[in-house]
Amino acid sequence: QAMAKISIVVPVFNEEEAIKGAIDGIKNSLKGLKDDFEIIA
């Protein structure tokens, strides 16, 4: 539906080198989208 709720799940284990960039990339990809998002790490 137009305002579906979507959980974005990111499993993380010892990812200190990449996790900040990975989540920033997810946030950037969601810009302009109308659905209800939550990011769960």
PDB file of all heavy atoms in Angstrom:
ATOM      1  N   GLN A   1       0.826  -1.187   0.000  1.00  0.00           N
ATOM      2  CA  GLN A   1       0.000   0.000   0.000  1.00  0.00           C
ATOM      3  C   GLN A   1       0.867   1.245   0.000  1.00  0.00           C
ATOM      4  O   GLN A   1       2.075   1.206   0.156  1.00  0.00           O
ATOM      5  CB  GLN A   1      -0.922  -0.041   1.223  1.00  0.00           C
ATOM      6  CG  GLN A   1      -1.845  -1.262   1.221  1.00  0.00           C
ATOM      7  CD  GLN A   1      -2.648  -1.364   2.497  1.00  0.00           C
ATOM      8  OE1 GLN A   1      -2.462  -0.573   3.421  1.00  0.00           O
ATOM      9  NE2 GLN A   1      -3.549  -2.331   2.553  1.00  0.00           N
ATOM     10  N   ALA A   2       0.201   2.377  -0.148  1.00  0.00           N
ATOM     11  CA  ALA A   2       0.929   3.642  -0.295  1.00  0.00           C
ATOM     12  C   ALA A   2       1.796   3.951   0.919  1.00  0.00           C
ATOM     13  O   ALA A   2       2.878   4.487   0.789  1.00  0.00           O
ATOM     14  CB  ALA A   2      -0.063   4.774  -0.530  1.00  0.00           C
ATOM     15  N   MET A   3       1.300   3.605   2.130  1.00  0.00           N
ATOM     16  CA  MET A   3       2.065   3.903   3.334  1.00  0.00           C
ATOM     17  C   MET A   3       2.358   2.632   4.116  1.00  0.00           C
ATOM     18  O   MET A   3       2.078   2.526   5.311  1.00  0.00           O
ATOM     19  CB  MET A   3       1.304   4.910   4.201  1.00  0.00           C
ATOM     20  CG  MET A   3       1.328   6.327   3.669  1.00  0.00           C
ATOM     21  SD  MET A   3       2.998   7.042   3.613  1.00  0.00           S
ATOM     22  CE  MET A   3       3.360   7.195   5.361  1.00  0.00           C
ATOM     23  N   ALA A   4       2.864   1.629   3.445  1.00  0.00           N
ATOM     24  CA  ALA A   4       3.202   0.374   4.113  1.00  0.00           C
ATOM     25  C   ALA A   4       4.360   0.609   5.077  1.00  0.00           C
ATOM     26  O   ALA A   4       5.221   1.457   4.852  1.00  0.00           O
ATOM     27  CB  ALA A   4       3.586  -0.672   3.080  1.00  0.00           C
ATOM     28  N   LYS A   5       4.361  -0.165   6.166  1.00  0.00           N
ATOM     29  CA  LYS A   5       5.469  -0.081   7.113  1.00  0.00           C
ATOM     30  C   LYS A   5       6.503  -1.129   6.759  1.00  0.00           C
ATOM     31  O   LYS A   5       6.179  -2.308   6.569  1.00  0.00           O
ATOM     32  CB  LYS A   5       4.978  -0.288   8.551  1.00  0.00           C
ATOM     33  CG  LYS A   5       6.103  -0.105   9.576  1.00  0.00           C
ATOM     34  CD  LYS A   5       5.585  -0.107  10.997  1.00  0.00           C
ATOM     35  CE  LYS A   5       6.739   0.150  11.969  1.00  0.00           C
ATOM     36  NZ  LYS A   5       6.275   0.160  13.379  1.00  0.00           N
ATOM     37  N   ILE A   6       7.745  -0.718   6.656  1.00  0.00           N
ATOM     38  CA  ILE A   6       8.831  -1.605   6.245  1.00  0.00           C
ATOM     39  C   ILE A   6       9.970  -1.532   7.259  1.00  0.00           C
ATOM     40  O   ILE A   6      10.473  -0.441   7.566  1.00  0.00           O
ATOM     41  CB  ILE A   6       9.351  -1.217   4.854  1.00  0.00           C
ATOM     42  CG1 ILE A   6       8.221  -1.320   3.813  1.00  0.00           C
ATOM     43  CG2 ILE A   6      10.542  -2.095   4.457  1.00  0.00           C
ATOM     44  CD1 ILE A   6       8.584  -0.750   2.461  1.00  0.00           C
ATOM     45  N   SER A   7      10.356  -2.696   7.789  1.00  0.00           N
ATOM     46  CA  SER A   7      11.508  -2.769   8.684  1.00  0.00           C
ATOM     47  C   SER A   7      12.730  -3.183   7.872  1.00  0.00           C
ATOM     48  O   SER A   7      12.706  -4.210   7.191  1.00  0.00           O
ATOM     49  CB  SER A   7      11.273  -3.790   9.797  1.00  0.00           C
ATOM     50  OG  SER A   7      10.284  -3.363  10.700  1.00  0.00           O
ATOM     51  N   ILE A   8      13.773  -2.375   7.940  1.00  0.00           N
ATOM     52  CA  ILE A   8      15.035  -2.697   7.272  1.00  0.00           C
ATOM     53  C   ILE A   8      15.968  -3.271   8.330  1.00  0.00           C
ATOM     54  O   ILE A   8      16.383  -2.572   9.253  1.00  0.00           O
ATOM     55  CB  ILE A   8      15.648  -1.453   6.609  1.00  0.00           C
ATOM     56  CG1 ILE A   8      14.694  -0.895   5.559  1.00  0.00           C
ATOM     57  CG2 ILE A   8      17.003  -1.793   5.985  1.00  0.00           C
ATOM     58  CD1 ILE A   8      15.167   0.387   4.916  1.00  0.00           C
ATOM     59  N   VAL A   9      16.271  -4.559   8.207  1.00  0.00           N
ATOM     60  CA  VAL A   9      17.044  -5.266   9.224  1.00  0.00           C
ATOM     61  C   VAL A   9      18.485  -5.443   8.759  1.00  0.00           C
ATOM     62  O   VAL A   9      18.742  -5.959   7.665  1.00  0.00           O
ATOM     63  CB  VAL A   9      16.416  -6.641   9.535  1.00  0.00           C
ATOM     64  CG1 VAL A   9      17.229  -7.352  10.619  1.00  0.00           C
ATOM     65  CG2 VAL A   9      14.959  -6.477   9.969  1.00  0.00           C
ATOM     66  N   VAL A  10      19.416  -5.017   9.619  1.00  0.00           N
ATOM     67  CA  VAL A  10      20.840  -5.100   9.303  1.00  0.00           C
ATOM     68  C   VAL A  10      21.535  -5.927  10.386  1.00  0.00           C
ATOM     69  O   VAL A  10      21.797  -5.435  11.480  1.00  0.00           O
ATOM     70  CB  VAL A  10      21.488  -3.704   9.232  1.00  0.00           C
ATOM     71  CG1 VAL A  10      22.923  -3.807   8.715  1.00  0.00           C
ATOM     72  CG2 VAL A  10      20.669  -2.746   8.383  1.00  0.00           C
ATOM     73  N   PRO A  11      21.817  -7.216  10.117  1.00  0.00           N
ATOM     74  CA  PRO A  11      22.571  -8.014  11.092  1.00  0.00           C
ATOM     75  C   PRO A  11      24.039  -7.590  11.086  1.00  0.00           C
ATOM     76  O   PRO A  11      24.630  -7.409  10.019  1.00  0.00           O
ATOM     77  CB  PRO A  11      22.387  -9.445  10.588  1.00  0.00           C
ATOM     78  CG  PRO A  11      22.124  -9.303   9.130  1.00  0.00           C
ATOM     79  CD  PRO A  11      21.431  -7.988   8.927  1.00  0.00           C
ATOM     80  N   VAL A  12      24.615  -7.438  12.268  1.00  0.00           N
ATOM     81  CA  VAL A  12      25.973  -6.874  12.356  1.00  0.00           C
ATOM     82  C   VAL A  12      26.834  -7.687  13.327  1.00  0.00           C
ATOM     83  O   VAL A  12      26.423  -7.948  14.461  1.00  0.00           O
ATOM     84  CB  VAL A  12      25.931  -5.411  12.843  1.00  0.00           C
ATOM     85  CG1 VAL A  12      27.317  -4.810  12.812  1.00  0.00           C
ATOM     86  CG2 VAL A  12      24.974  -4.580  12.003  1.00  0.00           C
ATOM     87  N   PHE A  13      28.011  -8.078  12.871  1.00  0.00           N
ATOM     88  CA  PHE A  13      28.977  -8.727  13.750  1.00  0.00           C
ATOM     89  C   PHE A  13      30.383  -8.276  13.361  1.00  0.00           C
ATOM     90  O   PHE A  13      30.879  -8.573  12.287  1.00  0.00           O
ATOM     91  CB  PHE A  13      28.876 -10.255  13.656  1.00  0.00           C
ATOM     92  CG  PHE A  13      29.908 -10.976  14.476  1.00  0.00           C
ATOM     93  CD1 PHE A  13      29.910 -10.856  15.862  1.00  0.00           C
ATOM     94  CD2 PHE A  13      30.894 -11.747  13.876  1.00  0.00           C
ATOM     95  CE1 PHE A  13      30.865 -11.510  16.636  1.00  0.00           C
ATOM     96  CE2 PHE A  13      31.855 -12.407  14.627  1.00  0.00           C
ATOM     97  CZ  PHE A  13      31.837 -12.288  16.017  1.00  0.00           C
ATOM     98  N   ASN A  14      31.008  -7.508  14.244  1.00  0.00           N
ATOM     99  CA  ASN A  14      32.368  -7.001  14.040  1.00  0.00           C
ATOM    100  C   ASN A  14      32.522  -6.308  12.687  1.00  0.00           C
ATOM    101  O   ASN A  14      33.361  -6.685  11.862  1.00  0.00           O
ATOM    102  CB  ASN A  14      33.384  -8.139  14.168  1.00  0.00           C
ATOM    103  CG  ASN A  14      33.549  -8.618  15.606  1.00  0.00           C
ATOM    104  OD1 ASN A  14      33.078  -7.974  16.554  1.00  0.00           O
ATOM    105  ND2 ASN A  14      34.205  -9.737  15.793  1.00  0.00           N
ATOM    106  N   GLU A  15      31.700  -5.292  12.471  1.00  0.00           N
ATOM    107  CA  GLU A  15      31.725  -4.549  11.205  1.00  0.00           C
ATOM    108  C   GLU A  15      32.118  -3.086  11.437  1.00  0.00           C
ATOM    109  O   GLU A  15      31.566  -2.178  10.824  1.00  0.00           O
ATOM    110  CB  GLU A  15      30.352  -4.610  10.519  1.00  0.00           C
ATOM    111  CG  GLU A  15      29.838  -5.997  10.231  1.00  0.00           C
ATOM    112  CD  GLU A  15      30.628  -6.710   9.147  1.00  0.00           C
ATOM    113  OE1 GLU A  15      31.574  -6.116   8.611  1.00  0.00           O
ATOM    114  OE2 GLU A  15      30.303  -7.875   8.863  1.00  0.00           O
ATOM    115  N   GLU A  16      33.099  -2.843  12.304  1.00  0.00           N
ATOM    116  CA  GLU A  16      33.478  -1.474  12.645  1.00  0.00           C
ATOM    117  C   GLU A  16      33.984  -0.688  11.432  1.00  0.00           C
ATOM    118  O   GLU A  16      33.859   0.536  11.388  1.00  0.00           O
ATOM    119  CB  GLU A  16      34.549  -1.471  13.743  1.00  0.00           C
ATOM    120  CG  GLU A  16      35.819  -2.218  13.373  1.00  0.00           C
ATOM    121  CD  GLU A  16      36.826  -2.272  14.510  1.00  0.00           C
ATOM    122  OE1 GLU A  16      36.520  -1.743  15.600  1.00  0.00           O
ATOM    123  OE2 GLU A  16      37.922  -2.843  14.316  1.00  0.00           O
ATOM    124  N   GLU A  17      34.507  -1.379  10.435  1.00  0.00           N
ATOM    125  CA  GLU A  17      35.054  -0.696   9.265  1.00  0.00           C
ATOM    126  C   GLU A  17      33.975  -0.251   8.280  1.00  0.00           C
ATOM    127  O   GLU A  17      34.199   0.664   7.493  1.00  0.00           O
ATOM    128  CB  GLU A  17      36.050  -1.605   8.529  1.00  0.00           C
ATOM    129  CG  GLU A  17      37.273  -1.992   9.329  1.00  0.00           C
ATOM    130  CD  GLU A  17      38.200  -2.903   8.537  1.00  0.00           C
ATOM    131  OE1 GLU A  17      38.323  -2.684   7.312  1.00  0.00           O
ATOM    132  OE2 GLU A  17      38.781  -3.823   9.126  1.00  0.00           O
ATOM    133  N   ALA A  18      32.816  -0.890   8.338  1.00  0.00           N
ATOM    134  CA  ALA A  18      31.827  -0.658   7.278  1.00  0.00           C
ATOM    135  C   ALA A  18      30.457  -0.203   7.747  1.00  0.00           C
ATOM    136  O   ALA A  18      29.701   0.374   6.958  1.00  0.00           O
ATOM    137  CB  ALA A  18      31.658  -1.943   6.457  1.00  0.00           C
ATOM    138  N   ILE A  19      30.107  -0.423   9.001  1.00  0.00           N
ATOM    139  CA  ILE A  19      28.715  -0.272   9.415  1.00  0.00           C
ATOM    140  C   ILE A  19      28.192   1.162   9.291  1.00  0.00           C
ATOM    141  O   ILE A  19      27.054   1.384   8.879  1.00  0.00           O
ATOM    142  CB  ILE A  19      28.504  -0.804  10.859  1.00  0.00           C
ATOM    143  CG1 ILE A  19      27.016  -0.826  11.190  1.00  0.00           C
ATOM    144  CG2 ILE A  19      29.308  -0.001  11.865  1.00  0.00           C
ATOM    145  CD1 ILE A  19      26.172  -1.662  10.273  1.00  0.00           C
ATOM    146  N   LYS A  20      29.019   2.146   9.609  1.00  0.00           N
ATOM    147  CA  LYS A  20      28.568   3.539   9.509  1.00  0.00           C
ATOM    148  C   LYS A  20      28.221   3.881   8.066  1.00  0.00           C
ATOM    149  O   LYS A  20      27.155   4.460   7.779  1.00  0.00           O
ATOM    150  CB  LYS A  20      29.655   4.480  10.030  1.00  0.00           C
ATOM    151  CG  LYS A  20      29.309   5.974   9.955  1.00  0.00           C
ATOM    152  CD  LYS A  20      28.178   6.335  10.886  1.00  0.00           C
ATOM    153  CE  LYS A  20      28.069   7.852  11.071  1.00  0.00           C
ATOM    154  NZ  LYS A  20      27.861   8.609   9.830  1.00  0.00           N
ATOM    155  N   GLY A  21      29.089   3.527   7.139  1.00  0.00           N
ATOM    156  CA  GLY A  21      28.835   3.802   5.726  1.00  0.00           C
ATOM    157  C   GLY A  21      27.647   3.034   5.203  1.00  0.00           C
ATOM    158  O   GLY A  21      26.876   3.544   4.383  1.00  0.00           O
ATOM    159  N   ALA A  22      27.479   1.784   5.683  1.00  0.00           N
ATOM    160  CA  ALA A  22      26.359   0.964   5.226  1.00  0.00           C
ATOM    161  C   ALA A  22      25.019   1.578   5.640  1.00  0.00           C
ATOM    162  O   ALA A  22      24.085   1.664   4.826  1.00  0.00           O
ATOM    163  CB  ALA A  22      26.485  -0.452   5.788  1.00  0.00           C
ATOM    164  N   ILE A  23      24.915   2.017   6.874  1.00  0.00           N
ATOM    165  CA  ILE A  23      23.658   2.606   7.346  1.00  0.00           C
ATOM    166  C   ILE A  23      23.421   3.975   6.712  1.00  0.00           C
ATOM    167  O   ILE A  23      22.283   4.323   6.366  1.00  0.00           O
ATOM    168  CB  ILE A  23      23.643   2.686   8.884  1.00  0.00           C
ATOM    169  CG1 ILE A  23      23.565   1.269   9.454  1.00  0.00           C
ATOM    170  CG2 ILE A  23      22.470   3.530   9.378  1.00  0.00           C
ATOM    171  CD1 ILE A  23      23.505   1.180  10.948  1.00  0.00           C
ATOM    172  N   ASP A  24      24.477   4.746   6.513  1.00  0.00           N
ATOM    173  CA  ASP A  24      24.334   6.024   5.802  1.00  0.00           C
ATOM    174  C   ASP A  24      23.807   5.783   4.388  1.00  0.00           C
ATOM    175  O   ASP A  24      22.962   6.540   3.883  1.00  0.00           O
ATOM    176  CB  ASP A  24      25.679   6.759   5.734  1.00  0.00           C
ATOM    177  CG  ASP A  24      26.066   7.386   7.071  1.00  0.00           C
ATOM    178  OD1 ASP A  24      25.179   7.508   7.945  1.00  0.00           O
ATOM    179  OD2 ASP A  24      27.248   7.739   7.228  1.00  0.00           O
ATOM    180  N   GLY A  25      24.301   4.741   3.739  1.00  0.00           N
ATOM    181  CA  GLY A  25      23.832   4.407   2.399  1.00  0.00           C
ATOM    182  C   GLY A  25      22.360   4.034   2.394  1.00  0.00           C
ATOM    183  O   GLY A  25      21.614   4.407   1.481  1.00  0.00           O
ATOM    184  N   ILE A  26      21.923   3.304   3.408  1.00  0.00           N
ATOM    185  CA  ILE A  26      20.510   2.941   3.520  1.00  0.00           C
ATOM    186  C   ILE A  26      19.651   4.188   3.690  1.00  0.00           C
ATOM    187  O   ILE A  26      18.623   4.350   3.013  1.00  0.00           O
ATOM    188  CB  ILE A  26      20.291   1.977   4.712  1.00  0.00           C
ATOM    189  CG1 ILE A  26      20.991   0.643   4.449  1.00  0.00           C
ATOM    190  CG2 ILE A  26      18.792   1.757   4.958  1.00  0.00           C
ATOM    191  CD1 ILE A  26      21.041  -0.271   5.648  1.00  0.00           C
ATOM    192  N   LYS A  27      20.076   5.067   4.577  1.00  0.00           N
ATOM    193  CA  LYS A  27      19.314   6.305   4.812  1.00  0.00           C
ATOM    194  C   LYS A  27      19.211   7.141   3.544  1.00  0.00           C
ATOM    195  O   LYS A  27      18.141   7.688   3.233  1.00  0.00           O
ATOM    196  CB  LYS A  27      19.979   7.121   5.934  1.00  0.00           C
ATOM    197  CG  LYS A  27      19.807   6.518   7.321  1.00  0.00           C
ATOM    198  CD  LYS A  27      20.445   7.431   8.372  1.00  0.00           C
ATOM    199  CE  LYS A  27      20.199   6.919   9.777  1.00  0.00           C
ATOM    200  NZ  LYS A  27      20.813   7.805  10.792  1.00  0.00           N
ATOM    201  N   ASN A  28      20.303   7.252   2.811  1.00  0.00           N
ATOM    202  CA  ASN A  28      20.282   8.031   1.568  1.00  0.00           C
ATOM    203  C   ASN A  28      19.340   7.423   0.533  1.00  0.00           C
ATOM    204  O   ASN A  28      18.679   8.148  -0.220  1.00  0.00           O
ATOM    205  CB  ASN A  28      21.698   8.121   0.986  1.00  0.00           C
ATOM    206  CG  ASN A  28      22.608   9.016   1.804  1.00  0.00           C
ATOM    207  OD1 ASN A  28      22.147   9.941   2.482  1.00  0.00           O
ATOM    208  ND2 ASN A  28      23.900   8.747   1.768  1.00  0.00           N
ATOM    209  N   SER A  29      19.255   6.100   0.509  1.00  0.00           N
ATOM    210  CA  SER A  29      18.400   5.434  -0.474  1.00  0.00           C
ATOM    211  C   SER A  29      16.915   5.645  -0.182  1.00  0.00           C
ATOM    212  O   SER A  29      16.079   5.493  -1.078  1.00  0.00           O
ATOM    213  CB  SER A  29      18.700   3.932  -0.505  1.00  0.00           C
ATOM    214  OG  SER A  29      18.192   3.287   0.649  1.00  0.00           O
ATOM    215  N   LEU A  30      16.586   5.988   1.051  1.00  0.00           N
ATOM    216  CA  LEU A  30      15.180   6.141   1.448  1.00  0.00           C
ATOM    217  C   LEU A  30      14.648   7.553   1.246  1.00  0.00           C
ATOM    218  O   LEU A  30      13.440   7.791   1.393  1.00  0.00           O
ATOM    219  CB  LEU A  30      15.005   5.750   2.924  1.00  0.00           C
ATOM    220  CG  LEU A  30      15.452   4.334   3.314  1.00  0.00           C
ATOM    221  CD1 LEU A  30      15.238   4.106   4.796  1.00  0.00           C
ATOM    222  CD2 LEU A  30      14.702   3.292   2.489  1.00  0.00           C
ATOM    223  N   LYS A  31      15.529   8.473   0.917  1.00  0.00           N
ATOM    224  CA  LYS A  31      15.102   9.868   0.739  1.00  0.00           C
ATOM    225  C   LYS A  31      14.096   9.990  -0.410  1.00  0.00           C
ATOM    226  O   LYS A  31      14.320   9.485  -1.499  1.00  0.00           O
ATOM    227  CB  LYS A  31      16.314  10.759   0.465  1.00  0.00           C
ATOM    228  CG  LYS A  31      17.228  10.925   1.675  1.00  0.00           C
ATOM    229  CD  LYS A  31      18.430  11.798   1.347  1.00  0.00           C
ATOM    230  CE  LYS A  31      19.331  11.965   2.585  1.00  0.00           C
ATOM    231  NZ  LYS A  31      20.528  12.787   2.264  1.00  0.00           N
ATOM    232  N   GLY A  32      12.990  10.639  -0.138  1.00  0.00           N
ATOM    233  CA  GLY A  32      11.969  10.848  -1.157  1.00  0.00           C
ATOM    234  C   GLY A  32      10.930   9.753  -1.235  1.00  0.00           C
ATOM    235  O   GLY A  32       9.939   9.896  -1.946  1.00  0.00           O
ATOM    236  N   LEU A  33      11.141   8.650  -0.513  1.00  0.00           N
ATOM    237  CA  LEU A  33      10.164   7.564  -0.511  1.00  0.00           C
ATOM    238  C   LEU A  33       9.079   7.838   0.529  1.00  0.00           C
ATOM    239  O   LEU A  33       9.344   8.402   1.584  1.00  0.00           O
ATOM    240  CB  LEU A  33      10.855   6.224  -0.220  1.00  0.00           C
ATOM    241  CG  LEU A  33      11.943   5.807  -1.207  1.00  0.00           C
ATOM    242  CD1 LEU A  33      12.540   4.468  -0.811  1.00  0.00           C
ATOM    243  CD2 LEU A  33      11.385   5.730  -2.625  1.00  0.00           C
ATOM    244  N   LYS A  34       7.855   7.414   0.237  1.00  0.00           N
ATOM    245  CA  LYS A  34       6.716   7.772   1.078  1.00  0.00           C
ATOM    246  C   LYS A  34       6.361   6.750   2.148  1.00  0.00           C
ATOM    247  O   LYS A  34       5.562   7.048   3.034  1.00  0.00           O
ATOM    248  CB  LYS A  34       5.484   8.014   0.189  1.00  0.00           C
ATOM    249  CG  LYS A  34       5.642   9.172  -0.781  1.00  0.00           C
ATOM    250  CD  LYS A  34       4.400   9.333  -1.640  1.00  0.00           C
ATOM    251  CE  LYS A  34       4.551  10.501  -2.607  1.00  0.00           C
ATOM    252  NZ  LYS A  34       3.342  10.667  -3.455  1.00  0.00           N
ATOM    253  N   ASP A  35       6.917   5.570   2.078  1.00  0.00           N
ATOM    254  CA  ASP A  35       6.540   4.524   3.025  1.00  0.00           C
ATOM    255  C   ASP A  35       7.130   4.791   4.413  1.00  0.00           C
ATOM    256  O   ASP A  35       8.038   5.615   4.582  1.00  0.00           O
ATOM    257  CB  ASP A  35       6.985   3.162   2.506  1.00  0.00           C
ATOM    258  CG  ASP A  35       6.296   2.800   1.206  1.00  0.00           C
ATOM    259  OD1 ASP A  35       5.060   2.686   1.206  1.00  0.00           O
ATOM    260  OD2 ASP A  35       6.986   2.662   0.179  1.00  0.00           O
ATOM    261  N   ASP A  36       6.612   4.073   5.389  1.00  0.00           N
ATOM    262  CA  ASP A  36       7.038   4.217   6.781  1.00  0.00           C
ATOM    263  C   ASP A  36       8.173   3.226   7.043  1.00  0.00           C
ATOM    264  O   ASP A  36       7.953   2.024   7.100  1.00  0.00           O
ATOM    265  CB  ASP A  36       5.842   3.940   7.702  1.00  0.00           C
ATOM    266  CG  ASP A  36       6.205   4.086   9.177  1.00  0.00           C
ATOM    267  OD1 ASP A  36       7.286   4.649   9.466  1.00  0.00           O
ATOM    268  OD2 ASP A  36       5.415   3.628  10.020  1.00  0.00           O
ATOM    269  N   PHE A  37       9.394   3.754   7.185  1.00  0.00           N
ATOM    270  CA  PHE A  37      10.558   2.902   7.349  1.00  0.00           C
ATOM    271  C   PHE A  37      11.116   2.962   8.769  1.00  0.00           C
ATOM    272  O   PHE A  37      11.042   4.001   9.425  1.00  0.00           O
ATOM    273  CB  PHE A  37      11.683   3.327   6.383  1.00  0.00           C
ATOM    274  CG  PHE A  37      11.342   3.153   4.932  1.00  0.00           C
ATOM    275  CD1 PHE A  37      10.884   4.226   4.186  1.00  0.00           C
ATOM    276  CD2 PHE A  37      11.498   1.924   4.310  1.00  0.00           C
ATOM    277  CE1 PHE A  37      10.576   4.088   2.847  1.00  0.00           C
ATOM    278  CE2 PHE A  37      11.201   1.769   2.965  1.00  0.00           C
ATOM    279  CZ  PHE A  37      10.744   2.848   2.234  1.00  0.00           C
ATOM    280  N   GLU A  38      11.682   1.837   9.203  1.00  0.00           N
ATOM    281  CA  GLU A  38      12.504   1.810  10.412  1.00  0.00           C
ATOM    282  C   GLU A  38      13.735   0.967  10.110  1.00  0.00           C
ATOM    283  O   GLU A  38      13.654  -0.026   9.386  1.00  0.00           O
ATOM    284  CB  GLU A  38      11.739   1.230  11.607  1.00  0.00           C
ATOM    285  CG  GLU A  38      11.368  -0.236  11.474  1.00  0.00           C
ATOM    286  CD  GLU A  38      10.799  -0.828  12.765  1.00  0.00           C
ATOM    287  OE1 GLU A  38      10.833  -0.120  13.791  1.00  0.00           O
ATOM    288  OE2 GLU A  38      10.333  -1.985  12.727  1.00  0.00           O
ATOM    289  N   ILE A  39      14.862   1.394  10.623  1.00  0.00           N
ATOM    290  CA  ILE A  39      16.111   0.652  10.435  1.00  0.00           C
ATOM    291  C   ILE A  39      16.445  -0.045  11.745  1.00  0.00           C
ATOM    292  O   ILE A  39      16.587   0.608  12.787  1.00  0.00           O
ATOM    293  CB  ILE A  39      17.263   1.579  10.010  1.00  0.00           C
ATOM    294  CG1 ILE A  39      16.928   2.265   8.681  1.00  0.00           C
ATOM    295  CG2 ILE A  39      18.569   0.788   9.883  1.00  0.00           C
ATOM    296  CD1 ILE A  39      17.951   3.303   8.253  1.00  0.00           C
ATOM    297  N   ILE A  40      16.547  -1.370  11.693  1.00  0.00           N
ATOM    298  CA  ILE A  40      16.865  -2.161  12.876  1.00  0.00           C
ATOM    299  C   ILE A  40      18.240  -2.797  12.691  1.00  0.00           C
ATOM    300  O   ILE A  40      18.435  -3.632  11.806  1.00  0.00           O
ATOM    301  CB  ILE A  40      15.825  -3.276  13.110  1.00  0.00           C
ATOM    302  CG1 ILE A  40      14.413  -2.690  13.198  1.00  0.00           C
ATOM    303  CG2 ILE A  40      16.159  -4.069  14.371  1.00  0.00           C
ATOM    304  CD1 ILE A  40      13.321  -3.756  13.307  1.00  0.00           C
ATOM    305  N   ALA A  41      19.199  -2.386  13.518  1.00  0.00           N
ATOM    306  CA  ALA A  41      20.533  -2.980  13.492  1.00  0.00           C
ATOM    307  C   ALA A  41      20.630  -3.986  14.629  1.00  0.00           C
ATOM    308  O   ALA A  41      20.376  -3.646  15.791  1.00  0.00           O
ATOM    309  CB  ALA A  41      21.603  -1.903  13.636  1.00  0.00           C
TER     310      ALA A  41
END
